[in-house]
PDB file of N, CA and C in Angstrom:
ATOM      1  N   MET A   1      87.893 116.993  61.497  1.00  0.00           N
ATOM      2  CA  MET A   1      87.135 115.784  61.608  1.00  0.00           C
ATOM      3  C   MET A   1      86.206 115.615  60.404  1.00  0.00           C
ATOM      4  N   LEU A   2      85.461 116.653  60.048  1.00  0.00           N
ATOM      5  CA  LEU A   2      84.524 116.549  58.932  1.00  0.00           C
ATOM      6  C   LEU A   2      85.250 116.429  57.601  1.00  0.00           C
ATOM      7  N   GLN A   3      86.394 117.083  57.495  1.00  0.00           N
ATOM      8  CA  GLN A   3      87.160 116.970  56.249  1.00  0.00           C
ATOM      9  C   GLN A   3      87.642 115.541  56.050  1.00  0.00           C
ATOM     10  N   ARG A   4      87.992 114.864  57.145  1.00  0.00           N
ATOM     11  CA  ARG A   4      88.405 113.466  57.046  1.00  0.00           C
ATOM     12  C   ARG A   4      87.253 112.586  56.574  1.00  0.00           C
ATOM     13  N   LYS A   5      86.026 113.025  56.810  1.00  0.00           N
ATOM     14  CA  LYS A   5      84.846 112.277  56.372  1.00  0.00           C
ATOM     15  C   LYS A   5      84.485 112.596  54.918  1.00  0.00           C
ATOM     16  N   GLY A   6      85.260 113.480  54.275  1.00  0.00           N
ATOM     17  CA  GLY A   6      85.050 113.780  52.866  1.00  0.00           C
ATOM     18  C   GLY A   6      84.206 115.013  52.594  1.00  0.00           C
ATOM     19  N   LEU A   7      83.859 115.797  53.630  1.00  0.00           N
ATOM     20  CA  LEU A   7      83.076 117.014  53.408  1.00  0.00           C
ATOM     21  C   LEU A   7      84.003 118.145  52.987  1.00  0.00           C
ATOM     22  N   LYS A   8      83.595 118.880  51.971  1.00  0.00           N
ATOM     23  CA  LYS A   8      84.391 119.997  51.470  1.00  0.00           C
ATOM     24  C   LYS A   8      83.869 121.299  52.067  1.00  0.00           C
ATOM     25  N   PHE A   9      84.764 122.241  52.256  1.00  0.00           N
ATOM     26  CA  PHE A   9      84.423 123.529  52.845  1.00  0.00           C
ATOM     27  C   PHE A   9      84.739 124.642  51.867  1.00  0.00           C
ATOM     28  N   ASP A  10      83.935 125.705  51.931  1.00  0.00           N
ATOM     29  CA  ASP A  10      84.254 126.869  51.108  1.00  0.00           C
ATOM     30  C   ASP A  10      85.133 127.810  51.919  1.00  0.00           C
ATOM     31  N   SER A  11      85.570 128.895  51.305  1.00  0.00           N
ATOM     32  CA  SER A  11      86.521 129.790  51.956  1.00  0.00           C
ATOM     33  C   SER A  11      85.856 130.842  52.843  1.00  0.00           C
ATOM     34  N   LYS A  12      84.512 130.906  52.844  1.00  0.00           N
ATOM     35  CA  LYS A  12      83.825 131.888  53.689  1.00  0.00           C
ATOM     36  C   LYS A  12      83.991 131.512  55.154  1.00  0.00           C
ATOM     37  N   SER A  13      84.101 132.516  56.011  1.00  0.00           N
ATOM     38  CA  SER A  13      84.199 132.227  57.432  1.00  0.00           C
ATOM     39  C   SER A  13      82.840 131.727  57.932  1.00  0.00           C
ATOM     40  N   PHE A  14      82.872 130.798  58.866  1.00  0.00           N
ATOM     41  CA  PHE A  14      81.658 130.178  59.379  1.00  0.00           C
ATOM     42  C   PHE A  14      81.194 130.885  60.631  1.00  0.00           C
ATOM     43  N   ARG A  15      79.902 131.115  60.726  1.00  0.00           N
ATOM     44  CA  ARG A  15      79.302 131.685  61.930  1.00  0.00           C
ATOM     45  C   ARG A  15      78.162 130.762  62.344  1.00  0.00           C
ATOM     46  N   MET A  16      78.357 130.081  63.470  1.00  0.00           N
ATOM     47  CA  MET A  16      77.363 129.126  63.924  1.00  0.00           C
ATOM     48  C   MET A  16      76.031 129.834  64.169  1.00  0.00           C
ATOM     49  N   HIS A  17      74.950 129.194  63.768  1.00  0.00           N
ATOM     50  CA  HIS A  17      73.641 129.791  63.938  1.00  0.00           C
ATOM     51  C   HIS A  17      72.565 128.708  63.934  1.00  0.00           C
ATOM     52  N   ILE A  18      71.416 129.087  64.363  1.00  0.00           N
ATOM     53  CA  ILE A  18      70.233 128.241  64.285  1.00  0.00           C
ATOM     54  C   ILE A  18      69.193 129.031  63.504  1.00  0.00           C
ATOM     55  N   THR A  19      68.673 128.449  62.442  1.00  0.00           N
ATOM     56  CA  THR A  19      67.633 129.103  61.660  1.00  0.00           C
ATOM     57  C   THR A  19      66.293 128.805  62.299  1.00  0.00           C
ATOM     58  N   LEU A  20      65.613 129.836  62.764  1.00  0.00           N
ATOM     59  CA  LEU A  20      64.307 129.672  63.387  1.00  0.00           C
ATOM     60  C   LEU A  20      63.182 129.753  62.375  1.00  0.00           C
ATOM     61  N   CYS A  21      63.387 130.517  61.320  1.00  0.00           N
ATOM     62  CA  CYS A  21      62.373 130.610  60.271  1.00  0.00           C
ATOM     63  C   CYS A  21      63.007 131.239  59.040  1.00  0.00           C
ATOM     64  N   ARG A  22      62.304 131.097  57.933  1.00  0.00           N
ATOM     65  CA  ARG A  22      62.711 131.751  56.690  1.00  0.00           C
ATOM     66  C   ARG A  22      61.533 132.582  56.215  1.00  0.00           C
ATOM     67  N   ILE A  23      61.831 133.765  55.731  1.00  0.00           N
ATOM     68  CA  ILE A  23      60.790 134.648  55.213  1.00  0.00           C
ATOM     69  C   ILE A  23      61.136 134.959  53.763  1.00  0.00           C
ATOM     70  N   ARG A  24      60.246 134.608  52.866  1.00  0.00           N
ATOM     71  CA  ARG A  24      60.508 134.842  51.445  1.00  0.00           C
ATOM     72  C   ARG A  24      60.313 136.313  51.084  1.00  0.00           C
ATOM     73  N   ASN A  25      59.179 136.856  51.436  1.00  0.00           N
ATOM     74  CA  ASN A  25      58.859 138.244  51.087  1.00  0.00           C
ATOM     75  C   ASN A  25      58.324 138.948  52.328  1.00  0.00           C
ATOM     76  N   ILE A  26      58.729 140.187  52.511  1.00  0.00           N
ATOM     77  CA  ILE A  26      58.223 140.970  53.639  1.00  0.00           C
ATOM     78  C   ILE A  26      57.998 142.403  53.174  1.00  0.00           C
ATOM     79  N   LYS A  27      56.880 142.956  53.579  1.00  0.00           N
ATOM     80  CA  LYS A  27      56.552 144.325  53.177  1.00  0.00           C
ATOM     81  C   LYS A  27      57.059 145.341  54.188  1.00  0.00           C
ATOM     82  N   ASP A  28      57.053 144.959  55.478  1.00  0.00           N
ATOM     83  CA  ASP A  28      57.444 145.894  56.541  1.00  0.00           C
ATOM     84  C   ASP A  28      58.791 145.473  57.140  1.00  0.00           C
ATOM     85  N   LYS A  29      59.882 145.755  56.429  1.00  0.00           N
ATOM     86  CA  LYS A  29      61.212 145.371  56.899  1.00  0.00           C
ATOM     87  C   LYS A  29      61.578 146.075  58.191  1.00  0.00           C
ATOM     88  N   SER A  30      61.180 147.328  58.332  1.00  0.00           N
ATOM     89  CA  SER A  30      61.475 148.077  59.552  1.00  0.00           C
ATOM     90  C   SER A  30      60.779 147.433  60.749  1.00  0.00           C
ATOM     91  N   GLY A  31      59.538 147.030  60.576  1.00  0.00           N
ATOM     92  CA  GLY A  31      58.798 146.370  61.652  1.00  0.00           C
ATOM     93  C   GLY A  31      59.437 145.060  62.052  1.00  0.00           C
ATOM     94  N   LEU A  32      59.914 144.298  61.057  1.00  0.00           N
ATOM     95  CA  LEU A  32      60.599 143.038  61.351  1.00  0.00           C
ATOM     96  C   LEU A  32      61.891 143.297  62.104  1.00  0.00           C
ATOM     97  N   ASN A  33      62.663 144.285  61.671  1.00  0.00           N
ATOM     98  CA  ASN A  33      63.911 144.618  62.368  1.00  0.00           C
ATOM     99  C   ASN A  33      63.648 145.024  63.815  1.00  0.00           C
ATOM    100  N   ASN A  34      62.610 145.807  64.051  1.00  0.00           N
ATOM    101  CA  ASN A  34      62.267 146.202  65.423  1.00  0.00           C
ATOM    102  C   ASN A  34      61.875 144.991  66.261  1.00  0.00           C
ATOM    103  N   PHE A  35      61.115 144.070  65.664  1.00  0.00           N
ATOM    104  CA  PHE A  35      60.716 142.860  66.372  1.00  0.00           C
ATOM    105  C   PHE A  35      61.938 142.011  66.731  1.00  0.00           C
ATOM    106  N   ILE A  36      62.855 141.847  65.783  1.00  0.00           N
ATOM    107  CA  ILE A  36      64.068 141.059  66.033  1.00  0.00           C
ATOM    108  C   ILE A  36      64.903 141.696  67.139  1.00  0.00           C
ATOM    109  N   LYS A  37      65.055 143.013  67.095  1.00  0.00           N
ATOM    110  CA  LYS A  37      65.825 143.707  68.139  1.00  0.00           C
ATOM    111  C   LYS A  37      65.186 143.523  69.513  1.00  0.00           C
ATOM    112  N   SER A  38      63.851 143.553  69.598  1.00  0.00           N
ATOM    113  CA  SER A  38      63.186 143.357  70.890  1.00  0.00           C
ATOM    114  C   SER A  38      63.392 141.930  71.385  1.00  0.00           C
ATOM    115  N   CYS A  39      63.425 140.964  70.473  1.00  0.00           N
ATOM    116  CA  CYS A  39      63.677 139.570  70.863  1.00  0.00           C
ATOM    117  C   CYS A  39      65.110 139.397  71.345  1.00  0.00           C
ATOM    118  N   GLN A  40      66.055 140.030  70.657  1.00  0.00           N
ATOM    119  CA  GLN A  40      67.457 139.926  71.051  1.00  0.00           C
ATOM    120  C   GLN A  40      67.682 140.513  72.432  1.00  0.00           C
ATOM    121  N   ALA A  41      67.000 141.600  72.744  1.00  0.00           N
ATOM    122  CA  ALA A  41      67.167 142.240  74.048  1.00  0.00           C
ATOM    123  C   ALA A  41      66.657 141.344  75.168  1.00  0.00           C
ATOM    124  N   ALA A  42      65.632 140.529  74.896  1.00  0.00           N
ATOM    125  CA  ALA A  42      65.041 139.678  75.920  1.00  0.00           C
ATOM    126  C   ALA A  42      65.655 138.282  75.950  1.00  0.00           C
ATOM    127  N   PHE A  43      66.494 137.949  74.974  1.00  0.00           N
ATOM    128  CA  PHE A  43      67.044 136.598  74.856  1.00  0.00           C
ATOM    129  C   PHE A  43      68.133 136.360  75.887  1.00  0.00           C
ATOM    130  N   GLN A  44      68.015 135.257  76.602  1.00  0.00           N
ATOM    131  CA  GLN A  44      69.033 134.855  77.565  1.00  0.00           C
ATOM    132  C   GLN A  44      69.392 133.402  77.296  1.00  0.00           C
ATOM    133  N   THR A  45      70.645 133.067  77.501  1.00  0.00           N
ATOM    134  CA  THR A  45      71.078 131.693  77.289  1.00  0.00           C
ATOM    135  C   THR A  45      71.359 131.017  78.614  1.00  0.00           C
ATOM    136  N   THR A  46      71.396 129.722  78.568  1.00  0.00           N
ATOM    137  CA  THR A  46      71.743 128.921  79.732  1.00  0.00           C
ATOM    138  C   THR A  46      72.544 127.717  79.243  1.00  0.00           C
ATOM    139  N   ASP A  47      73.271 127.087  80.136  1.00  0.00           N
ATOM    140  CA  ASP A  47      74.021 125.896  79.754  1.00  0.00           C
ATOM    141  C   ASP A  47      73.052 124.790  79.363  1.00  0.00           C
ATOM    142  N   PHE A  48      73.453 123.969  78.425  1.00  0.00           N
ATOM    143  CA  PHE A  48      72.636 122.831  78.025  1.00  0.00           C
ATOM    144  C   PHE A  48      73.537 121.704  77.552  1.00  0.00           C
ATOM    145  N   HIS A  49      73.008 120.503  77.591  1.00  0.00           N
ATOM    146  CA  HIS A  49      73.759 119.313  77.209  1.00  0.00           C
ATOM    147  C   HIS A  49      73.548 119.033  75.722  1.00  0.00           C
ATOM    148  N   VAL A  50      74.634 118.790  75.013  1.00  0.00           N
ATOM    149  CA  VAL A  50      74.571 118.470  73.593  1.00  0.00           C
ATOM    150  C   VAL A  50      74.903 116.992  73.424  1.00  0.00           C
ATOM    151  N   GLU A  51      73.950 116.225  72.895  1.00  0.00           N
ATOM    152  CA  GLU A  51      74.168 114.793  72.691  1.00  0.00           C
ATOM    153  C   GLU A  51      74.791 114.507  71.327  1.00  0.00           C
ATOM    154  N   SER A  52      74.422 115.317  70.327  1.00  0.00           N
ATOM    155  CA  SER A  52      74.982 115.124  68.999  1.00  0.00           C
ATOM    156  C   SER A  52      74.890 116.429  68.216  1.00  0.00           C
ATOM    157  N   ILE A  53      75.674 116.485  67.153  1.00  0.00           N
ATOM    158  CA  ILE A  53      75.656 117.628  66.244  1.00  0.00           C
ATOM    159  C   ILE A  53      75.337 117.078  64.865  1.00  0.00           C
ATOM    160  N   VAL A  54      74.369 117.708  64.201  1.00  0.00           N
ATOM    161  CA  VAL A  54      73.937 117.244  62.890  1.00  0.00           C
ATOM    162  C   VAL A  54      74.168 118.361  61.878  1.00  0.00           C
ATOM    163  N   LEU A  55      74.774 118.003  60.757  1.00  0.00           N
ATOM    164  CA  LEU A  55      75.032 118.947  59.677  1.00  0.00           C
ATOM    165  C   LEU A  55      74.007 118.719  58.573  1.00  0.00           C
ATOM    166  N   TYR A  56      73.262 119.781  58.234  1.00  0.00           N
ATOM    167  CA  TYR A  56      72.237 119.707  57.201  1.00  0.00           C
ATOM    168  C   TYR A  56      72.596 120.593  56.024  1.00  0.00           C
ATOM    169  N   LYS A  57      72.171 120.187  54.865  1.00  0.00           N
ATOM    170  CA  LYS A  57      72.236 121.016  53.670  1.00  0.00           C
ATOM    171  C   LYS A  57      70.828 121.555  53.441  1.00  0.00           C
ATOM    172  N   SER A  58      70.696 122.845  53.238  1.00  0.00           N
ATOM    173  CA  SER A  58      69.403 123.478  52.989  1.00  0.00           C
ATOM    174  C   SER A  58      69.335 123.902  51.526  1.00  0.00           C
ATOM    175  N   SER A  59      68.355 123.369  50.805  1.00  0.00           N
ATOM    176  CA  SER A  59      68.158 123.729  49.398  1.00  0.00           C
ATOM    177  C   SER A  59      66.810 124.423  49.271  1.00  0.00           C
ATOM    178  N   LEU A  60      66.830 125.679  48.841  1.00  0.00           N
ATOM    179  CA  LEU A  60      65.587 126.423  48.687  1.00  0.00           C
ATOM    180  C   LEU A  60      64.967 126.094  47.338  1.00  0.00           C
ATOM    181  N   THR A  61      63.688 125.727  47.358  1.00  0.00           N
ATOM    182  CA  THR A  61      62.947 125.456  46.137  1.00  0.00           C
ATOM    183  C   THR A  61      61.778 126.433  46.057  1.00  0.00           C
ATOM    184  N   GLN A  62      61.052 126.402  44.952  1.00  0.00           N
ATOM    185  CA  GLN A  62      59.874 127.275  44.803  1.00  0.00           C
ATOM    186  C   GLN A  62      58.807 126.954  45.842  1.00  0.00           C
ATOM    187  N   GLN A  63      58.643 125.669  46.168  1.00  0.00           N
ATOM    188  CA  GLN A  63      57.591 125.264  47.090  1.00  0.00           C
ATOM    189  C   GLN A  63      58.004 125.414  48.557  1.00  0.00           C
ATOM    190  N   GLU A  64      59.141 124.860  48.911  1.00  0.00           N
ATOM    191  CA  GLU A  64      59.596 124.867  50.301  1.00  0.00           C
ATOM    192  C   GLU A  64      61.071 124.498  50.348  1.00  0.00           C
ATOM    193  N   PRO A  65      61.735 124.802  51.460  1.00  0.00           N
ATOM    194  CA  PRO A  65      63.131 124.377  51.578  1.00  0.00           C
ATOM    195  C   PRO A  65      63.200 122.858  51.763  1.00  0.00           C
ATOM    196  N   VAL A  66      64.261 122.264  51.239  1.00  0.00           N
ATOM    197  CA  VAL A  66      64.487 120.830  51.395  1.00  0.00           C
ATOM    198  C   VAL A  66      65.754 120.676  52.231  1.00  0.00           C
ATOM    199  N   TYR A  67      65.643 119.942  53.339  1.00  0.00           N
ATOM    200  CA  TYR A  67      66.769 119.734  54.237  1.00  0.00           C
ATOM    201  C   TYR A  67      67.272 118.302  54.097  1.00  0.00           C
ATOM    202  N   THR A  68      68.552 118.171  53.851  1.00  0.00           N
ATOM    203  CA  THR A  68      69.173 116.864  53.697  1.00  0.00           C
ATOM    204  C   THR A  68      70.232 116.702  54.780  1.00  0.00           C
ATOM    205  N   ARG A  69      70.115 115.641  55.570  1.00  0.00           N
ATOM    206  CA  ARG A  69      71.113 115.397  56.616  1.00  0.00           C
ATOM    207  C   ARG A  69      72.384 114.865  55.965  1.00  0.00           C
ATOM    208  N   LEU A  70      73.495 115.569  56.190  1.00  0.00           N
ATOM    209  CA  LEU A  70      74.778 115.181  55.608  1.00  0.00           C
ATOM    210  C   LEU A  70      75.612 114.342  56.559  1.00  0.00           C
ATOM    211  N   HIS A  71      75.543 114.681  57.844  1.00  0.00           N
ATOM    212  CA  HIS A  71      76.405 113.983  58.807  1.00  0.00           C
ATOM    213  C   HIS A  71      75.871 114.197  60.221  1.00  0.00           C
ATOM    214  N   ARG A  72      76.012 113.177  61.058  1.00  0.00           N
ATOM    215  CA  ARG A  72      75.672 113.285  62.481  1.00  0.00           C
ATOM    216  C   ARG A  72      76.847 112.760  63.280  1.00  0.00           C
ATOM    217  N   GLU A  73      77.264 113.529  64.255  1.00  0.00           N
ATOM    218  CA  GLU A  73      78.373 113.148  65.117  1.00  0.00           C
ATOM    219  C   GLU A  73      77.880 113.130  66.561  1.00  0.00           C
ATOM    220  N   VAL A  74      78.009 111.990  67.230  1.00  0.00           N
ATOM    221  CA  VAL A  74      77.622 111.876  68.632  1.00  0.00           C
ATOM    222  C   VAL A  74      78.734 112.469  69.480  1.00  0.00           C
ATOM    223  N   CYS A  75      78.374 113.316  70.436  1.00  0.00           N
ATOM    224  CA  CYS A  75      79.364 113.945  71.324  1.00  0.00           C
ATOM    225  C   CYS A  75      79.792 112.926  72.383  1.00  0.00           C
ATOM    226  N   LYS A  76      81.079 112.724  72.467  1.00  0.00           N
ATOM    227  CA  LYS A  76      81.616 111.756  73.428  1.00  0.00           C
ATOM    228  C   LYS A  76      81.938 112.396  74.759  1.00  0.00           C
ATOM    229  N   HIS A  77      82.047 113.711  74.766  1.00  0.00           N
ATOM    230  CA  HIS A  77      82.380 114.444  75.981  1.00  0.00           C
ATOM    231  C   HIS A  77      81.264 115.443  76.250  1.00  0.00           C
ATOM    232  N   LYS A  78      81.162 115.859  77.480  1.00  0.00           N
ATOM    233  CA  LYS A  78      80.144 116.859  77.835  1.00  0.00           C
ATOM    234  C   LYS A  78      80.467 118.170  77.153  1.00  0.00           C
ATOM    235  N   VAL A  79      79.494 118.693  76.428  1.00  0.00           N
ATOM    236  CA  VAL A  79      79.653 119.956  75.711  1.00  0.00           C
ATOM    237  C   VAL A  79      78.604 120.919  76.240  1.00  0.00           C
ATOM    238  N   LEU A  80      79.050 122.102  76.637  1.00  0.00           N
ATOM    239  CA  LEU A  80      78.104 123.129  77.116  1.00  0.00           C
ATOM    240  C   LEU A  80      78.174 124.331  76.225  1.00  0.00           C
TER     241      LEU A  80
END
């Protein structure tokens, strides 16, 4: 569907994700890893309704990331 809209894809395999934050520099990597592992252990999912899917391009700059919306697709069927 997206290729028909003219979007090009690279050859890397895609892994769906949600970026919750970006960290430029960290001094205590071990502490961050322990924190992430504790969050993963407590994380639970539930079904939810998806009204649309939006594809963004993220460009990292010196000041802050810049997000550009590339495409939005409204879901016509119930997606869980």
